[in-house]
């Protein structure tokens, strides 16, 4: 079975070298590029962001990545958003994000390790309840309004939200169909982070290389 192709978006913000190496160890064939066609055609697209959300959004729009992300998700094709990439799926103070999910990110400083609370239905975090992951952020999603408004009589196809705690609860990860987002830094989280990435890459194999 061939390794799934994963494009790590080269948007000009941050250094994804360590993340690329972690993806390759997880079994992916990785290309770092801003090419829109490559981003559309890959089995998986990864958006890793560091620093400021406004800077990331400007870079995403400059290379047309906002359109690539939208087209992939509309077609049910996998996108993994990490750190400030997760923030881009919401909005931020004074910043218009991609608004894949309603809500905002707010100031929340955490540079260290926290365990996660894994809900039923998680594919990436099953068995990792109470396992510590590495976080390094200044903003986070402290609420997930979409889940709060989901019909109470059915959770079918509802987003799976993994929470962590540091001073207050915050979103550590979201699994929502083709869109997965991680506030945690899997490439810095040892075996637990490697497990999450390996499971995500394996899901691409199942979807695209039966």
Protein backbone atom coordinates (compact mmCIF):
# COMPACT_ATOMS: atom_id res chain seq x y z
CA UNK A 1 0.00 0.00 0.00
CA UNK A 2 1.55 3.35 -1.00
CA UNK A 3 2.13 6.00 1.64
CA UNK A 4 -0.55 8.69 1.56
CA UNK A 5 0.57 12.06 0.22
CA UNK A 6 0.34 14.94 2.67
CA UNK A 7 0.91 18.57 1.76
CA UNK A 8 2.10 20.77 4.60
CA UNK A 9 1.08 24.23 3.50
CA UNK A 10 4.04 26.57 3.01
CA UNK A 11 2.37 29.84 3.98
CA UNK A 12 5.47 31.72 5.11
CA UNK A 13 4.67 31.80 8.84
CA UNK A 14 6.60 29.58 11.24
CA UNK A 15 8.93 26.62 10.75
CA UNK A 16 7.22 23.28 10.10
CA UNK A 17 10.42 21.21 9.90
CA UNK A 18 9.80 19.30 13.12
CA UNK A 19 6.18 18.68 12.21
CA UNK A 20 7.13 17.37 8.77
CA UNK A 21 9.56 14.91 10.34
CA UNK A 22 6.82 13.71 12.72
CA UNK A 23 4.42 13.17 9.81
CA UNK A 24 7.04 11.18 7.92
CA UNK A 25 7.62 8.98 10.96
CA UNK A 26 3.85 8.49 11.08
CA UNK A 27 3.94 7.01 7.56
CA UNK A 28 3.12 9.94 5.28
CA UNK A 29 4.87 11.06 2.11
CA UNK A 30 5.19 14.79 2.81
CA UNK A 31 5.60 17.77 0.50
CA UNK A 32 5.93 21.34 1.79
CA UNK A 33 4.46 23.69 -0.79
CA UNK A 34 2.09 26.60 -1.38
CA UNK A 35 0.99 25.18 -4.75
CA UNK A 36 -2.80 25.17 -4.88
CA UNK A 37 -3.10 22.16 -7.20
CA UNK A 38 -0.84 20.09 -4.94
CA UNK A 39 -2.90 21.15 -1.96
CA UNK A 40 -6.12 20.11 -3.67
CA UNK A 41 -4.80 16.79 -4.96
CA UNK A 42 -3.02 15.51 -1.83
CA UNK A 43 -4.58 12.83 0.35
CA UNK A 44 -4.25 15.19 3.31
CA UNK A 45 -3.57 18.90 3.80
CA UNK A 46 -1.91 20.24 6.94
CA UNK A 47 -2.02 23.85 8.14
CA UNK A 48 0.47 24.46 10.95
CA UNK A 49 0.44 27.96 12.38
CA UNK A 50 2.51 29.72 15.01
CA UNK A 51 2.49 33.25 16.35
CA UNK A 52 -0.25 35.69 15.41
CA UNK A 53 -3.60 34.72 13.85
CA UNK A 54 -3.78 37.94 11.82
CA UNK A 55 -0.42 37.14 10.22
CA UNK A 56 -1.46 33.56 9.46
CA UNK A 57 -4.75 34.64 7.88
CA UNK A 58 -2.96 37.20 5.71
CA UNK A 59 -0.51 34.53 4.53
CA UNK A 60 -3.27 31.95 3.88
CA UNK A 61 -5.22 34.39 1.75
CA UNK A 62 -2.09 35.58 -0.06
CA UNK A 63 -1.43 32.06 -1.40
CA UNK A 64 -5.10 31.21 -1.93
CA UNK A 65 -5.04 28.58 0.81
CA UNK A 66 -8.39 29.72 2.19
CA UNK A 67 -9.97 28.60 -1.10
CA UNK A 68 -8.06 25.30 -1.06
CA UNK A 69 -9.21 24.53 2.48
CA UNK A 70 -12.81 25.41 1.64
CA UNK A 71 -12.82 23.23 -1.50
CA UNK A 72 -11.25 20.27 0.28
CA UNK A 73 -13.73 20.37 3.14
CA UNK A 74 -16.66 20.80 0.77
CA UNK A 75 -15.51 17.63 -0.97
CA UNK A 76 -15.01 15.72 2.28
CA UNK A 77 -11.21 15.64 1.94
CA UNK A 78 -8.97 15.65 4.98
CA UNK A 79 -7.55 18.84 6.49
CA UNK A 80 -5.48 18.92 9.69
CA UNK A 81 -5.11 22.33 11.36
CA UNK A 82 -2.56 22.70 14.17
CA UNK A 83 -2.02 25.37 16.85
CA UNK A 84 -2.83 28.74 15.25
CA UNK A 85 -4.20 26.68 12.36
CA UNK A 86 -6.96 25.66 14.79
CA UNK A 87 -7.56 29.32 15.63
CA UNK A 88 -8.03 30.04 11.92
CA UNK A 89 -11.09 27.77 11.91
CA UNK A 90 -12.76 30.20 14.34
CA UNK A 91 -12.27 33.96 14.55
CA UNK A 92 -10.00 35.96 16.79
CA UNK A 93 -10.09 39.36 18.47
CA UNK A 94 -10.37 41.73 15.51
CA UNK A 95 -9.43 38.97 13.05
CA UNK A 96 -11.71 37.31 10.52
CA UNK A 97 -10.89 33.62 10.39
CA UNK A 98 -12.17 30.94 8.04
CA UNK A 99 -15.25 30.52 10.24
CA UNK A 100 -15.59 26.78 9.72
CA UNK A 101 -16.91 26.75 13.28
CA UNK A 102 -18.75 29.56 15.06
CA UNK A 103 -17.00 31.14 18.01
CA UNK A 104 -13.78 32.88 18.84
CA UNK A 105 -10.38 32.21 20.33
CA UNK A 106 -9.45 34.17 23.43
CA UNK A 107 -6.32 34.95 25.40
CA UNK A 108 -5.15 31.81 27.21
CA UNK A 109 -1.46 31.35 27.90
CA UNK A 110 -0.18 27.79 28.36
CA UNK A 111 3.39 26.63 27.80
CA UNK A 112 3.61 23.14 29.26
CA UNK A 113 1.89 19.78 29.60
CA UNK A 114 -1.76 18.93 30.26
CA UNK A 115 -3.80 15.76 30.15
CA UNK A 116 -6.85 15.52 27.91
CA UNK A 117 -10.44 14.46 28.50
CA UNK A 118 -11.38 12.12 25.66
CA UNK A 119 -15.09 11.91 24.76
CA UNK A 120 -16.87 8.91 23.34
CA UNK A 121 -16.53 8.73 19.58
CA UNK A 122 -12.95 9.98 19.30
CA UNK A 123 -10.94 8.09 16.70
CA UNK A 124 -7.60 9.81 17.27
CA UNK A 125 -7.49 9.91 21.06
CA UNK A 126 -9.10 6.63 22.12
CA UNK A 127 -7.00 5.09 24.90
CA UNK A 128 -5.19 8.40 25.58
CA UNK A 129 -7.43 9.60 28.41
CA UNK A 130 -5.34 11.34 31.09
CA UNK A 131 -2.18 11.15 28.96
CA UNK A 132 -0.23 14.46 28.96
CA UNK A 133 0.30 16.41 25.75
CA UNK A 134 2.50 19.43 25.08
CA UNK A 135 0.89 22.85 24.57
CA UNK A 136 2.51 26.16 23.64
CA UNK A 137 -0.02 28.88 22.96
CA UNK A 138 -1.20 32.36 23.92
CA UNK A 139 -4.76 31.95 22.60
CA UNK A 140 -7.23 29.07 22.68
CA UNK A 141 -10.90 28.26 22.14
CA UNK A 142 -12.49 28.33 25.58
CA UNK A 143 -15.93 27.38 24.26
CA UNK A 144 -17.27 25.37 21.34
CA UNK A 145 -20.65 26.97 20.58
CA UNK A 146 -21.56 24.60 17.75
CA UNK A 147 -21.64 21.66 20.13
CA UNK A 148 -23.65 23.66 22.65
CA UNK A 149 -26.41 24.22 20.09
CA UNK A 150 -26.44 20.69 18.65
CA UNK A 151 -29.87 19.04 19.06
CA UNK A 152 -30.03 17.41 22.49
CA UNK A 153 -31.87 14.35 21.18
CA UNK A 154 -29.10 13.36 18.76
CA UNK A 155 -25.33 13.59 18.71
CA UNK A 156 -25.06 11.84 15.35
CA UNK A 157 -22.26 13.44 13.33
CA UNK A 158 -21.67 16.04 16.03
CA UNK A 159 -18.08 17.30 16.31
CA UNK A 160 -15.98 15.35 18.78
CA UNK A 161 -14.30 17.87 21.08
CA UNK A 162 -11.34 16.88 23.25
CA UNK A 163 -10.84 19.20 26.23
CA UNK A 164 -7.84 20.00 28.41
CA UNK A 165 -7.48 22.09 31.55
CA UNK A 166 -5.05 24.87 32.42
CA UNK A 167 -6.55 27.43 34.79
CA UNK A 168 -9.80 26.81 32.89
CA UNK A 169 -11.05 24.31 30.30
CA UNK A 170 -9.99 24.83 26.68
CA UNK A 171 -10.32 22.97 23.40
CA UNK A 172 -7.37 20.62 22.92
CA UNK A 173 -8.59 19.03 19.68
CA UNK A 174 -11.63 18.69 17.43
CA UNK A 175 -12.56 15.81 15.12
CA UNK A 176 -15.29 16.96 12.73
CA UNK A 177 -15.58 14.81 9.62
CA UNK A 178 -12.77 15.73 7.22
CA UNK A 179 -11.60 18.60 9.45
CA UNK A 180 -9.34 17.80 12.38
CA UNK A 181 -7.79 20.53 14.51
CA UNK A 182 -5.22 20.27 17.27
CA UNK A 183 -4.34 22.92 19.83
CA UNK A 184 -1.83 20.47 21.30
CA UNK A 185 1.52 20.07 19.60
CA UNK A 186 1.80 16.40 18.57
CA UNK A 187 5.37 16.70 17.31
CA UNK A 188 6.41 17.77 20.84
CA UNK A 189 4.25 15.27 22.73
CA UNK A 190 6.33 12.11 22.57
CA UNK A 191 4.64 8.76 22.04
CA UNK A 192 1.15 10.14 22.60
CA UNK A 193 1.57 12.77 19.89
CA UNK A 194 3.06 10.18 17.54
CA UNK A 195 0.01 7.98 18.12
CA UNK A 196 -2.36 10.79 17.17
CA UNK A 197 -0.46 11.58 13.95
CA UNK A 198 -0.13 7.90 13.02
CA UNK A 199 -3.88 7.43 13.41
CA UNK A 200 -4.59 10.49 11.27
CA UNK A 201 -2.24 9.29 8.53
CA UNK A 202 -3.77 5.81 8.73
CA UNK A 203 -7.21 7.32 8.18
CA UNK A 204 -5.94 8.77 4.89
CA UNK A 205 -4.80 5.31 3.83
CA UNK A 206 -8.25 3.87 4.50
CA UNK A 207 -10.02 6.67 2.64
CA UNK A 208 -7.76 6.94 -0.39
CA UNK A 209 -5.86 3.64 -0.69
CA UNK A 210 -8.33 0.84 0.08
